[in-house]
Amino acid sequence: MTTVEKKAEKHKAFNGLQRKETLEAMAQQQFDVIVIGGGITGAGIALDAQSRGLRTALIEMQDFASGTSSRSTKLVHGGLRYLKQLDVKVVAEVGKERAIVYENGPHVTTPEWMLLPFYKGGTFGKLSTSLGLRVYDFLAGVKRSERRKMFSPDVTLQHEPLLKKKDLRGGGYYVEYRTDDARLTIEVMKKAVELGAMVVNYAKVEELLVKDGTLLGVRVVDQLAAGGGTEGGKAGKDQTASYALYASKVVNAAGPWVDTLREMDRSKQGKTLHLTKGVHLVFDQSRFPLGQAIYFDTPDGRMVFAIPRDGKTYVGTTDTNYKGDIANPRITLADRTYVLRAANEMFPSLGLTEADVESSWTGLRPLIHQEGKDPSEISRRDEIFVSASGLISMAGGKLTGYRKMAESVVNQIAAMLVAEGKVSAALPPSRTKTLPISGGEVGGSAQLAPFLRSKVSQGLRLGLTEPEAMLLAQRYGSNVDTVFALLEQHRGEAARRGMPASVLAALVYAIECEMVVKPADFFIRRTGALFFDIAWARQWKAPAAAFLAERFGWSEAQTAAYTAELEQLLHEAVHPLEA
């Protein structure tokens, strides 16, 4: 068996076409751990638990990373602004995690020099910026080559000429890490699957299974079969779509839905979640030709990022209290106006308008409520709650700290299992600090550049253009050989369908190795196209939907429903709510 075939075999359990079979198999066994929630927190917990020898299952009621974990600022960053709040513990913990996340998956995480300009009368001055960045470097354990530098006004403008010149006093220069949050989540999840974890999307917990006051498992409903989805075909609730899953421990890593599950458990008391909303706008580089990532303060004292990425520039975020639909938070006219005003204040020569916004996204932060604090002041610390029934809930936290959060949860599970006599010996310590995620086996960050050059050359020999080959190599990392093999296998079919072979290969890989079951899964979470290449998404949405319909055997009604779902999301990315 070749290396490519071995990788494909490992990913079989993550095949969208075998999703129902996976769910049925999960109902036939006893697990050590069931994780509820397929965002980065749940994925991290599944990987840590499975890598330590615990039989692990994960269920997600929507698609993986469909909530907060595809709607962040897409930075693995140390939280410089938390120094303003004197939240030293958060800065120290997550700051050190940045380099670990990078080394374990350099194909989805990239060092990004960030410029923090400071102005007369602004939040930051020369002394506070210099001191703050020096403390940040110390707390985060930043390596020498990435430690902060201080610039004069002239040098600051050389790095980014679009910056507002009036009252500029200089700039601080330091490193953060840019990531694709959804792909990071998928790669962590895939690694857990490679090690033996069983995971399923579109499986919603409808009941916690409790006996004599002790939580024994969960009853889940297959959302696709129950709602006329890809594997059901009937409208209404199909009783065969309900499955009982059992485990020694159940972890609630449901992000914004953590308190919903705590209510189901009748344990929502004491500390609760406080949801805040963050909005980002995307512009084409032809209209917003930003060459340097910028972190700047706004007149109301908030901090905002402007970041160049893949021919686009995105700006955000807002931070407002949220009480609406958790599953589908929307950008409002007020959100858009706020971000546009902030961008035009810092980059006044651009004169950006609503018409310049190509796309947007809106995400929720599941923070732990702190009485009397504004959204931006609430700590990003994480905390574990254990209820009387044994439900283990993980609340708060940041994308950057996902690995440490997972380690803490699994440490707690291990201690509980030992105390209850359910394991004969203590679990080994966490392995994830030096465990490459799926696609990350490129030899570490030092070998990423030669790896990419090699794969681009290989792609050129397969008839790809250099940009096509680079995009696939960067997106899939060490898994790109599987994509290249699919490209060769489906070249003729791609031609018949009028699609580039690279697009069809990515789609097939997403179905067979990343549990894609809907067009939205592919165009949002697996490729990020809806955010950063919305024209590409519009161009290939119809042939992609037709291919998915054939592979899954959809009815005309199902095809229409899934196509309409993607159309609605494309519309919402561009058109805000009135209020």
Protein backbone atom coordinates (compact mmCIF):
# COMPACT_ATOMS: atom_id res chain seq x y z
CA MET A 1 0.00 0.00 0.00
CA THR A 2 1.43 3.39 -1.01
CA THR A 3 1.72 6.35 1.36
CA VAL A 4 -1.18 8.05 -0.44
CA GLU A 5 -3.34 4.92 -0.10
CA LYS A 6 -2.48 4.65 3.60
CA LYS A 7 -3.56 8.25 4.18
CA ALA A 8 -6.79 7.68 2.27
CA GLU A 9 -7.45 4.57 4.37
CA LYS A 10 -6.94 6.56 7.59
CA HIS A 11 -9.47 9.15 6.46
CA LYS A 12 -12.18 6.61 5.54
CA ALA A 13 -13.84 7.16 8.90
CA PHE A 14 -14.13 10.83 7.96
CA ASN A 15 -15.91 10.11 4.68
CA GLY A 16 -19.18 11.97 4.13
CA LEU A 17 -20.49 9.07 2.06
CA GLN A 18 -20.05 6.76 5.06
CA ARG A 19 -21.30 9.22 7.63
CA LYS A 20 -24.49 7.32 8.50
CA GLU A 21 -22.56 4.05 8.83
CA THR A 22 -20.13 5.79 11.18
CA LEU A 23 -23.00 7.03 13.34
CA GLU A 24 -24.55 3.55 13.43
CA ALA A 25 -21.19 2.05 14.44
CA MET A 26 -20.83 4.63 17.22
CA ALA A 27 -24.15 3.44 18.65
CA GLN A 28 -22.81 -0.11 18.88
CA GLN A 29 -19.96 0.52 21.30
CA GLN A 30 -19.04 2.00 24.66
CA PHE A 31 -16.71 5.00 24.66
CA ASP A 32 -14.52 6.46 27.33
CA VAL A 33 -15.36 9.99 26.21
CA ILE A 34 -18.09 11.61 24.14
CA VAL A 35 -17.38 15.19 23.10
CA ILE A 36 -20.34 17.39 22.19
CA GLY A 37 -19.24 20.16 19.84
CA GLY A 38 -17.17 20.13 16.67
CA GLY A 39 -15.44 23.48 16.93
CA ILE A 40 -11.76 23.92 17.73
CA THR A 41 -12.31 23.25 21.44
CA GLY A 42 -14.11 19.96 20.84
CA ALA A 43 -11.65 18.91 18.15
CA GLY A 44 -8.74 19.61 20.48
CA ILE A 45 -10.32 17.59 23.29
CA ALA A 46 -11.01 14.68 20.94
CA LEU A 47 -7.40 14.68 19.75
CA ASP A 48 -5.92 14.90 23.23
CA ALA A 49 -8.19 12.17 24.60
CA GLN A 50 -7.74 9.77 21.69
CA SER A 51 -3.98 10.30 21.58
CA ARG A 52 -3.78 9.28 25.25
CA GLY A 53 -5.60 6.02 24.62
CA LEU A 54 -9.19 6.97 25.49
CA ARG A 55 -11.86 5.67 23.11
CA THR A 56 -13.34 8.94 21.90
CA ALA A 57 -16.43 9.98 19.97
CA LEU A 58 -17.37 13.50 18.84
CA ILE A 59 -20.72 14.78 17.62
CA GLU A 60 -21.58 18.16 16.11
CA MET A 61 -25.13 19.34 15.44
CA GLN A 62 -24.13 21.45 12.43
CA ASP A 63 -21.00 21.16 10.32
CA PHE A 64 -17.60 21.10 11.96
CA ALA A 65 -16.31 24.62 12.75
CA SER A 66 -19.64 26.11 11.65
CA GLY A 67 -19.95 28.31 14.72
CA THR A 68 -17.26 30.46 16.33
CA SER A 69 -14.43 28.36 14.87
CA SER A 70 -14.97 29.60 11.30
CA ARG A 71 -15.91 33.16 12.26
CA SER A 72 -12.99 34.46 14.32
CA THR A 73 -10.41 37.10 13.40
CA LYS A 74 -8.41 34.15 12.06
CA LEU A 75 -5.40 34.87 14.23
CA VAL A 76 -3.53 32.60 16.60
CA HIS A 77 -2.55 35.56 18.73
CA GLY A 78 -1.50 36.24 22.26
CA GLY A 79 -4.04 38.89 23.10
CA LEU A 80 -1.92 42.01 23.38
CA ARG A 81 -4.98 44.03 24.30
CA TYR A 82 -5.46 41.89 27.42
CA LEU A 83 -2.37 43.56 28.87
CA LYS A 84 -4.50 46.70 29.06
CA GLN A 85 -6.84 44.72 31.32
CA LEU A 86 -3.84 43.37 33.30
CA ASP A 87 -4.96 39.84 32.33
CA VAL A 88 -1.37 38.62 32.50
CA LYS A 89 -2.29 34.94 32.91
CA VAL A 90 -4.18 34.85 29.61
CA VAL A 91 -1.38 36.62 27.74
CA ALA A 92 1.28 34.31 29.14
CA GLU A 93 -0.64 31.10 28.50
CA VAL A 94 -1.95 31.73 24.99
CA GLY A 95 1.11 33.70 23.93
CA LYS A 96 3.31 30.66 24.38
CA GLU A 97 0.81 28.47 22.56
CA ARG A 98 1.15 30.42 19.30
CA ALA A 99 4.47 28.85 18.36
CA ILE A 100 3.24 25.37 19.30
CA VAL A 101 0.16 25.67 17.10
CA TYR A 102 2.40 26.94 14.29
CA GLU A 103 4.95 24.13 14.51
CA ASN A 104 2.28 21.44 14.61
CA GLY A 105 0.47 22.78 11.55
CA PRO A 106 2.62 25.27 9.63
CA HIS A 107 0.48 24.84 6.50
CA VAL A 108 -2.52 26.46 8.23
CA THR A 109 -0.71 28.98 10.45
CA THR A 110 1.66 31.72 9.30
CA PRO A 111 3.79 34.26 11.26
CA GLU A 112 2.56 37.76 10.48
CA TRP A 113 4.44 40.90 11.42
CA MET A 114 1.90 43.29 12.93
CA LEU A 115 2.28 47.07 12.96
CA LEU A 116 0.71 48.98 15.84
CA PRO A 117 0.76 52.72 14.96
CA PHE A 118 0.39 55.21 17.78
CA TYR A 119 -0.90 58.77 17.54
CA LYS A 120 -1.02 61.91 19.61
CA GLY A 121 -3.92 61.53 22.04
CA GLY A 122 -4.44 57.84 21.19
CA THR A 123 -4.78 54.85 23.49
CA PHE A 124 -1.11 53.96 23.06
CA GLY A 125 1.96 56.18 23.25
CA LYS A 126 5.59 55.49 22.48
CA LEU A 127 6.46 54.49 26.04
CA SER A 128 3.36 52.40 26.69
CA THR A 129 3.69 50.64 23.31
CA SER A 130 7.37 49.89 23.81
CA LEU A 131 6.85 48.66 27.36
CA GLY A 132 3.69 46.74 26.51
CA LEU A 133 5.33 44.91 23.59
CA ARG A 134 8.43 44.15 25.65
CA VAL A 135 6.28 42.63 28.41
CA TYR A 136 4.28 40.79 25.74
CA ASP A 137 7.47 39.28 24.29
CA PHE A 138 8.55 38.20 27.76
CA LEU A 139 5.23 36.69 28.80
CA ALA A 140 4.73 34.92 25.46
CA GLY A 141 8.28 33.57 25.35
CA VAL A 142 8.85 35.11 21.92
CA LYS A 143 12.01 33.94 20.14
CA ARG A 144 14.71 36.54 19.52
CA SER A 145 14.08 36.89 15.76
CA GLU A 146 10.44 37.82 16.38
CA ARG A 147 10.84 40.28 19.25
CA ARG A 148 9.31 43.70 19.00
CA LYS A 149 10.84 46.67 17.22
CA MET A 150 9.99 50.36 17.57
CA PHE A 151 9.67 52.60 14.51
CA SER A 152 9.80 56.34 13.91
CA PRO A 153 6.86 57.96 12.07
CA ASP A 154 8.78 57.86 8.77
CA VAL A 155 9.66 54.17 9.07
CA THR A 156 6.09 53.40 10.15
CA LEU A 157 4.78 55.00 6.95
CA GLN A 158 7.38 53.18 4.87
CA HIS A 159 5.90 49.92 6.13
CA GLU A 160 2.34 51.05 5.37
CA PRO A 161 1.85 54.26 3.35
CA LEU A 162 -1.96 54.06 3.61
CA LEU A 163 -1.89 54.91 7.33
CA LYS A 164 -3.24 58.23 8.54
CA LYS A 165 -0.31 60.65 8.70
CA LYS A 166 -1.78 63.34 10.94
CA ASP A 167 -0.46 63.19 14.52
CA LEU A 168 1.41 59.91 13.87
CA ARG A 169 4.09 59.44 16.53
CA GLY A 170 5.54 56.08 15.47
CA GLY A 171 4.75 52.40 15.54
CA GLY A 172 5.44 49.15 17.31
CA TYR A 173 6.30 46.08 15.24
CA TYR A 174 5.72 42.58 16.56
CA VAL A 175 4.71 39.10 15.40
CA GLU A 176 1.31 37.44 15.55
CA TYR A 177 0.20 34.30 13.69
CA ARG A 178 -2.45 34.29 10.97
CA THR A 179 -4.49 31.11 10.51
CA ASP A 180 -7.43 29.59 8.68
CA ASP A 181 -9.55 28.87 11.74
CA ALA A 182 -11.93 26.41 10.06
CA ARG A 183 -9.15 24.45 8.37
CA LEU A 184 -7.18 24.37 11.62
CA THR A 185 -10.25 22.81 13.25
CA ILE A 186 -10.69 20.28 10.44
CA GLU A 187 -7.01 19.27 10.52
CA VAL A 188 -7.09 18.76 14.30
CA MET A 189 -10.27 16.70 13.89
CA LYS A 190 -8.72 14.64 11.09
CA LYS A 191 -5.72 13.84 13.28
CA ALA A 192 -8.05 12.58 16.00
CA VAL A 193 -9.78 10.40 13.39
CA GLU A 194 -6.44 9.09 12.11
CA LEU A 195 -5.69 7.97 15.68
CA GLY A 196 -9.04 6.18 15.98
CA ALA A 197 -11.61 8.74 17.17
CA MET A 198 -15.10 8.52 15.65
CA VAL A 199 -16.68 11.81 14.63
CA VAL A 200 -19.93 12.82 12.93
CA ASN A 201 -21.39 16.16 11.91
CA TYR A 202 -25.09 17.09 11.73
CA ALA A 203 -25.88 14.96 14.79
CA LYS A 204 -27.74 16.91 17.47
CA VAL A 205 -28.04 15.96 21.13
CA GLU A 206 -31.72 15.79 21.99
CA GLU A 207 -31.40 14.06 25.37
CA LEU A 208 -28.84 13.39 28.07
CA LEU A 209 -29.06 9.77 29.19
CA VAL A 210 -29.04 9.71 32.99
CA LYS A 211 -29.52 6.79 35.39
CA ASP A 212 -29.64 7.21 39.15
CA GLY A 213 -28.38 10.76 38.77
CA THR A 214 -25.33 9.76 36.73
CA LEU A 215 -24.79 10.79 33.10
CA LEU A 216 -24.22 7.70 30.96
CA GLY A 217 -24.39 9.10 27.44
CA VAL A 218 -26.49 11.05 24.97
CA ARG A 219 -29.28 10.48 22.49
CA VAL A 220 -28.59 12.18 19.18
CA VAL A 221 -30.72 12.80 16.11
CA ASP A 222 -29.20 12.61 12.66
CA GLN A 223 -30.20 16.03 11.35
CA LEU A 224 -29.88 14.98 7.72
CA ALA A 225 -32.04 11.86 7.98
CA ALA A 226 -34.54 13.52 10.32
CA GLY A 227 -34.94 16.61 8.19
CA GLY A 228 -34.98 15.20 4.68
CA GLY A 229 -31.21 15.53 4.26
CA THR A 230 -28.66 13.70 2.17
CA GLU A 231 -29.26 10.35 3.80
CA GLY A 232 -32.96 10.42 4.68
CA GLY A 233 -35.12 11.69 1.91
CA LYS A 234 -38.25 12.04 4.06
CA ALA A 235 -39.62 15.19 5.52
CA GLY A 236 -40.33 15.16 9.22
CA LYS A 237 -38.72 13.19 11.99
CA ASP A 238 -37.60 9.68 11.14
CA GLN A 239 -37.32 7.51 14.26
CA THR A 240 -34.44 5.58 12.69
CA ALA A 241 -32.46 8.82 12.84
CA SER A 242 -32.16 8.63 16.64
CA TYR A 243 -29.12 6.98 18.24
CA ALA A 244 -28.09 6.33 21.84
CA LEU A 245 -24.35 6.79 22.42
CA TYR A 246 -22.74 5.74 25.71
CA ALA A 247 -19.51 6.79 27.43
CA SER A 248 -17.89 6.98 30.84
CA LYS A 249 -17.59 10.74 30.49
CA VAL A 250 -19.45 13.35 28.44
CA VAL A 251 -17.80 16.68 27.62
CA ASN A 252 -19.84 19.74 26.72
CA ALA A 253 -17.66 21.74 24.33
CA ALA A 254 -20.55 23.34 22.48
CA GLY A 255 -19.24 26.92 22.45
CA PRO A 256 -22.21 29.35 22.39
CA TRP A 257 -24.52 26.41 23.20
CA VAL A 258 -22.69 25.38 26.41
CA ASP A 259 -25.44 26.82 28.60
CA THR A 260 -28.14 25.18 26.45
CA LEU A 261 -26.70 21.78 27.37
CA ARG A 262 -26.26 22.83 30.99
CA GLU A 263 -29.98 23.68 31.03
CA MET A 264 -30.73 20.21 29.63
CA ASP A 265 -28.58 18.85 32.47
CA ARG A 266 -30.38 21.12 34.98
CA SER A 267 -26.99 22.41 36.06
CA LYS A 268 -27.00 25.95 34.68
CA GLN A 269 -26.21 27.83 37.86
CA GLY A 270 -23.43 30.04 39.15
CA LYS A 271 -21.32 31.28 36.28
CA THR A 272 -23.00 31.55 32.88
CA LEU A 273 -22.07 32.47 29.33
CA HIS A 274 -22.01 36.00 28.00
CA LEU A 275 -22.20 36.06 24.19
CA THR A 276 -20.64 38.91 22.26
CA LYS A 277 -20.69 39.44 18.51
CA GLY A 278 -17.75 40.21 16.22
CA VAL A 279 -18.05 41.32 12.59
CA HIS A 280 -15.40 41.42 9.85
CA LEU A 281 -15.56 43.01 6.39
CA VAL A 282 -13.62 41.83 3.33
CA PHE A 283 -12.33 44.08 0.53
CA ASP A 284 -10.46 43.30 -2.65
CA GLN A 285 -6.83 44.42 -2.66
CA SER A 286 -7.50 46.47 -5.78
CA ARG A 287 -9.68 48.69 -3.59
CA PHE A 288 -7.83 48.29 -0.28
CA PRO A 289 -4.18 47.57 -1.21
CA LEU A 290 -2.92 46.96 2.31
CA GLY A 291 0.60 45.57 2.34
CA GLN A 292 1.12 45.27 6.08
CA ALA A 293 -1.09 43.87 8.85
CA ILE A 294 -2.19 46.69 11.16
CA TYR A 295 -3.54 46.66 14.72
CA PHE A 296 -5.05 50.01 15.60
CA ASP A 297 -7.26 51.68 18.16
CA THR A 298 -10.54 53.39 17.32
CA PRO A 299 -11.90 56.67 18.70
CA ASP A 300 -14.08 54.71 21.16
CA GLY A 301 -11.03 52.88 22.54
CA ARG A 302 -11.54 49.51 20.84
CA MET A 303 -8.77 47.69 18.99
CA VAL A 304 -9.25 46.63 15.36
CA PHE A 305 -7.21 44.54 12.92
CA ALA A 306 -6.71 45.17 9.20
CA ILE A 307 -5.02 42.16 7.59
CA PRO A 308 -3.99 41.38 3.99
CA ARG A 309 -4.70 37.82 2.89
CA ASP A 310 -4.87 36.05 -0.47
CA GLY A 311 -5.49 39.15 -2.56
CA LYS A 312 -8.00 40.57 -0.07
CA THR A 313 -7.93 42.78 3.01
CA TYR A 314 -10.20 42.06 5.94
CA VAL A 315 -11.00 44.42 8.81
CA GLY A 316 -12.55 43.72 12.21
CA THR A 317 -13.78 43.19 14.73
CA THR A 318 -16.73 44.64 16.59
CA ASP A 319 -17.51 43.54 20.15
CA THR A 320 -21.15 43.94 21.14
CA ASN A 321 -23.54 42.06 23.41
CA TYR A 322 -25.63 39.48 21.58
CA LYS A 323 -29.06 38.01 22.35
CA GLY A 324 -30.22 36.79 18.91
CA ASP A 325 -30.15 33.56 16.90
CA ILE A 326 -27.04 31.67 18.01
CA ALA A 327 -26.92 29.45 14.94
CA ASN A 328 -27.01 32.30 12.44
CA PRO A 329 -25.69 35.63 13.75
CA ARG A 330 -25.94 38.32 11.07
CA ILE A 331 -24.12 41.53 10.29
CA THR A 332 -26.27 44.64 10.69
CA LEU A 333 -26.09 48.01 8.95
CA ALA A 334 -24.75 49.46 12.21
CA ASP A 335 -21.98 46.82 12.34
CA ARG A 336 -20.95 47.58 8.77
CA THR A 337 -21.01 51.33 9.37
CA TYR A 338 -18.85 50.94 12.49
CA VAL A 339 -16.13 48.91 10.73
CA LEU A 340 -16.16 51.15 7.65
CA ARG A 341 -15.83 54.24 9.83
CA ALA A 342 -12.92 52.69 11.74
CA ALA A 343 -11.17 51.73 8.49
CA ASN A 344 -11.66 55.16 6.93
CA GLU A 345 -10.43 56.87 10.10
CA MET A 346 -7.14 54.93 9.96
CA PHE A 347 -6.81 54.81 6.15
CA PRO A 348 -8.41 58.13 5.11
CA SER A 349 -7.11 58.19 1.52
CA LEU A 350 -9.21 55.15 0.58
CA GLY A 351 -12.71 56.54 1.08
CA LEU A 352 -14.20 53.07 1.47
CA THR A 353 -17.96 52.71 1.00
CA GLU A 354 -20.58 50.00 1.39
CA ALA A 355 -20.18 49.16 -2.30
CA ASP A 356 -16.55 48.15 -1.68
CA VAL A 357 -17.47 45.35 0.76
CA GLU A 358 -17.06 42.03 -1.09
CA SER A 359 -18.00 39.75 1.79
CA SER A 360 -18.28 39.58 5.55
CA TRP A 361 -18.67 37.19 8.43
CA THR A 362 -20.17 37.36 11.89
CA GLY A 363 -19.14 35.25 14.86
CA LEU A 364 -19.99 34.88 18.53
CA ARG A 365 -17.60 34.74 21.48
CA PRO A 366 -18.83 32.43 24.28
CA LEU A 367 -17.31 34.31 27.23
CA ILE A 368 -17.90 33.73 30.93
CA HIS A 369 -20.13 36.50 32.25
CA GLN A 370 -18.57 39.12 34.52
CA GLU A 371 -21.08 41.49 36.09
CA GLY A 372 -20.77 45.15 35.15
CA LYS A 373 -18.15 44.70 32.43
CA ASP A 374 -18.46 45.87 28.84
CA PRO A 375 -18.01 43.22 26.12
CA SER A 376 -14.41 44.22 25.37
CA GLU A 377 -13.50 44.10 29.06
CA ILE A 378 -14.66 40.53 29.75
CA SER A 379 -11.82 38.11 30.33
CA ARG A 380 -11.10 35.46 27.68
CA ARG A 381 -10.14 32.93 30.36
CA ASP A 382 -11.49 29.41 30.11
CA GLU A 383 -13.05 27.43 32.92
CA ILE A 384 -14.25 23.85 33.48
CA PHE A 385 -17.59 23.18 35.17
CA VAL A 386 -18.49 19.67 36.41
CA SER A 387 -22.15 19.09 37.26
CA ALA A 388 -23.65 16.70 39.80
CA SER A 389 -24.52 14.27 36.98
CA GLY A 390 -20.93 14.31 35.75
CA LEU A 391 -21.37 16.56 32.68
CA ILE A 392 -18.02 18.29 32.06
CA SER A 393 -18.48 21.71 30.45
CA MET A 394 -15.69 23.83 28.98
CA ALA A 395 -16.56 27.52 28.78
CA GLY A 396 -14.72 30.64 27.66
CA GLY A 397 -11.25 30.58 26.18
CA LYS A 398 -9.68 31.56 22.89
CA LEU A 399 -8.82 29.83 19.62
CA THR A 400 -5.11 30.17 20.43
CA GLY A 401 -5.46 28.29 23.70
CA TYR A 402 -7.41 25.33 22.34
CA ARG A 403 -4.62 22.78 22.93
CA LYS A 404 -4.04 23.75 26.57
CA MET A 405 -7.78 23.84 27.19
CA ALA A 406 -8.06 20.31 25.80
CA GLU A 407 -5.17 19.13 27.95
CA SER A 408 -6.85 20.54 31.05
CA VAL A 409 -10.16 18.83 30.27
CA VAL A 410 -8.55 15.45 29.58
CA ASN A 411 -6.44 15.76 32.74
CA GLN A 412 -9.70 16.24 34.65
CA ILE A 413 -11.29 13.24 32.89
CA ALA A 414 -8.24 11.10 33.67
CA ALA A 415 -8.37 11.99 37.35
CA MET A 416 -12.10 11.20 37.51
CA LEU A 417 -11.68 7.85 35.75
CA VAL A 418 -8.89 6.82 38.12
CA ALA A 419 -10.88 7.90 41.18
CA GLU A 420 -13.90 5.94 39.95
CA GLY A 421 -11.80 2.85 39.22
CA LYS A 422 -12.71 2.89 35.52
CA VAL A 423 -9.10 2.75 34.38
CA SER A 424 -6.45 0.55 35.90
CA ALA A 425 -3.61 3.06 35.68
CA ALA A 426 -3.10 6.77 35.26
CA LEU A 427 -3.24 8.02 31.68
CA PRO A 428 -0.02 9.14 30.02
CA PRO A 429 0.53 12.90 29.86
CA SER A 430 -0.70 14.91 26.90
CA ARG A 431 1.17 14.29 23.63
CA THR A 432 -0.21 17.18 21.63
CA LYS A 433 2.53 19.72 22.31
CA THR A 434 4.74 18.01 19.72
CA LEU A 435 2.10 16.10 17.72
CA PRO A 436 1.68 17.38 14.14
CA ILE A 437 -1.95 17.79 13.13
CA SER A 438 -3.22 16.26 9.90
CA GLY A 439 -1.42 17.86 6.96
CA GLY A 440 1.27 19.19 9.29
CA GLU A 441 3.86 16.48 8.64
CA VAL A 442 6.11 18.70 6.55
CA GLY A 443 9.15 18.70 8.83
CA GLY A 444 8.11 21.65 10.96
CA SER A 445 8.05 25.31 10.01
CA ALA A 446 11.70 25.27 8.92
CA GLN A 447 10.91 22.77 6.15
CA LEU A 448 7.64 24.30 4.97
CA ALA A 449 9.14 26.46 2.21
CA PRO A 450 11.10 23.61 0.53
CA PHE A 451 8.06 21.35 0.95
CA LEU A 452 5.86 23.88 -0.86
CA ARG A 453 8.41 24.33 -3.65
CA SER A 454 8.53 20.59 -4.17
CA LYS A 455 4.76 20.23 -4.27
CA VAL A 456 4.32 23.19 -6.61
CA SER A 457 6.80 21.54 -8.99
CA GLN A 458 4.82 18.31 -8.73
CA GLY A 459 1.59 20.21 -9.42
CA LEU A 460 3.09 21.86 -12.49
CA ARG A 461 3.98 18.42 -13.85
CA LEU A 462 0.33 17.45 -13.37
CA GLY A 463 -0.76 20.38 -15.52
CA LEU A 464 -1.72 22.80 -12.77
CA THR A 465 -0.84 26.47 -12.89
CA GLU A 466 1.58 27.69 -10.24
CA PRO A 467 -1.17 29.51 -8.28
CA GLU A 468 -3.38 26.39 -8.37
CA ALA A 469 -0.56 24.15 -7.17
CA MET A 470 0.47 26.56 -4.42
CA LEU A 471 -3.10 26.95 -3.19
CA LEU A 472 -3.54 23.16 -2.88
CA ALA A 473 -0.13 22.64 -1.24
CA GLN A 474 -0.75 25.39 1.32
CA ARG A 475 -4.32 24.30 2.06
CA TYR A 476 -3.68 20.57 2.47
CA GLY A 477 -0.04 20.42 3.55
CA SER A 478 1.27 16.86 3.67
CA ASN A 479 -2.16 15.57 2.56
CA VAL A 480 -1.78 17.24 -0.84
CA ASP A 481 -0.49 14.00 -2.41
CA THR A 482 -3.93 12.50 -1.87
CA VAL A 483 -5.49 15.50 -3.61
CA PHE A 484 -3.03 15.18 -6.49
CA ALA A 485 -3.93 11.49 -6.83
CA LEU A 486 -7.63 12.41 -6.97
CA LEU A 487 -6.83 15.04 -9.57
CA GLU A 488 -5.33 12.40 -11.85
CA GLN A 489 -8.20 10.02 -11.17
CA HIS A 490 -10.95 12.56 -11.94
CA ARG A 491 -9.32 14.58 -14.71
CA GLY A 492 -11.67 13.24 -17.40
CA GLU A 493 -14.77 13.76 -15.28
CA ALA A 494 -13.71 17.32 -14.48
CA ALA A 495 -13.45 18.05 -18.22
CA ARG A 496 -16.90 16.56 -18.86
CA ARG A 497 -18.37 18.74 -16.12
CA GLY A 498 -16.62 21.88 -17.32
CA MET A 499 -14.71 22.21 -14.03
CA PRO A 500 -10.98 22.65 -13.44
CA ALA A 501 -9.46 19.37 -12.26
CA SER A 502 -8.12 21.16 -9.17
CA VAL A 503 -11.64 22.19 -8.12
CA LEU A 504 -13.14 18.73 -8.57
CA ALA A 505 -10.19 17.06 -6.80
CA ALA A 506 -10.61 19.40 -3.81
CA LEU A 507 -14.34 18.64 -3.74
CA VAL A 508 -13.84 14.87 -3.88
CA TYR A 509 -11.20 15.09 -1.15
CA ALA A 510 -13.57 17.18 0.98
CA ILE A 511 -16.29 14.54 0.63
CA GLU A 512 -14.15 11.44 1.11
CA CYS A 513 -11.63 12.73 3.67
CA GLU A 514 -13.28 15.70 5.42
CA MET A 515 -16.97 14.66 5.76
CA VAL A 516 -18.45 17.31 3.50
CA VAL A 517 -22.15 16.60 2.87
CA LYS A 518 -23.47 19.98 1.68
CA PRO A 519 -22.30 22.69 -0.73
CA ALA A 520 -22.02 25.15 2.17
CA ASP A 521 -19.60 22.83 3.97
CA PHE A 522 -17.24 22.98 1.00
CA PHE A 523 -17.49 26.63 0.05
CA ILE A 524 -17.31 27.96 3.62
CA ARG A 525 -15.54 25.64 6.07
CA ARG A 526 -13.28 23.56 3.77
CA THR A 527 -12.12 26.30 1.40
CA GLY A 528 -13.06 29.67 2.94
CA ALA A 529 -14.16 30.76 -0.53
CA LEU A 530 -17.33 32.51 0.61
CA PHE A 531 -15.17 34.90 2.63
CA PHE A 532 -12.01 35.30 0.55
CA ASP A 533 -13.01 34.37 -3.02
CA ILE A 534 -16.74 34.83 -3.27
CA ALA A 535 -16.57 35.10 -7.07
CA TRP A 536 -14.98 31.62 -7.17
CA ALA A 537 -17.77 30.28 -4.97
CA ARG A 538 -20.40 31.75 -7.28
CA GLN A 539 -18.60 30.39 -10.34
CA TRP A 540 -18.43 26.76 -9.19
CA LYS A 541 -21.45 26.43 -6.89
CA ALA A 542 -23.73 24.90 -9.57
CA PRO A 543 -21.38 22.19 -10.88
CA ALA A 544 -20.28 21.40 -7.31
CA ALA A 545 -23.91 20.98 -6.19
CA ALA A 546 -24.62 18.78 -9.22
CA PHE A 547 -21.64 16.55 -8.37
CA LEU A 548 -22.67 16.30 -4.71
CA ALA A 549 -26.24 15.46 -5.75
CA GLU A 550 -25.02 12.55 -7.87
CA ARG A 551 -22.60 11.20 -5.27
CA PHE A 552 -25.16 11.33 -2.44
CA GLY A 553 -28.22 10.45 -4.52
CA TRP A 554 -30.18 13.56 -3.62
CA SER A 555 -33.71 14.12 -4.80
CA GLU A 556 -34.56 17.25 -6.75
CA ALA A 557 -36.03 18.72 -3.58
CA GLN A 558 -32.86 18.05 -1.59
CA THR A 559 -30.67 19.53 -4.31
CA ALA A 560 -32.87 22.61 -4.41
CA ALA A 561 -32.80 22.97 -0.61
CA TYR A 562 -29.02 22.73 -0.31
CA THR A 563 -28.50 25.04 -3.28
CA ALA A 564 -30.89 27.56 -1.72
CA GLU A 565 -29.04 27.30 1.60
CA LEU A 566 -25.75 28.28 -0.05
CA GLU A 567 -27.44 31.05 -2.04
CA GLN A 568 -28.85 32.49 1.17
CA LEU A 569 -25.44 32.45 2.84
CA LEU A 570 -23.85 34.15 -0.18
CA HIS A 571 -26.56 36.81 0.04
CA GLU A 572 -26.12 37.31 3.80
CA ALA A 573 -22.36 37.78 3.41
CA VAL A 574 -23.02 40.92 1.37
CA HIS A 575 -26.37 42.24 2.59
CA PRO A 576 -26.66 43.31 6.26
CA LEU A 577 -29.79 43.27 8.38
CA GLU A 578 -31.49 46.60 8.90
CA ALA A 579 -31.05 46.32 12.68
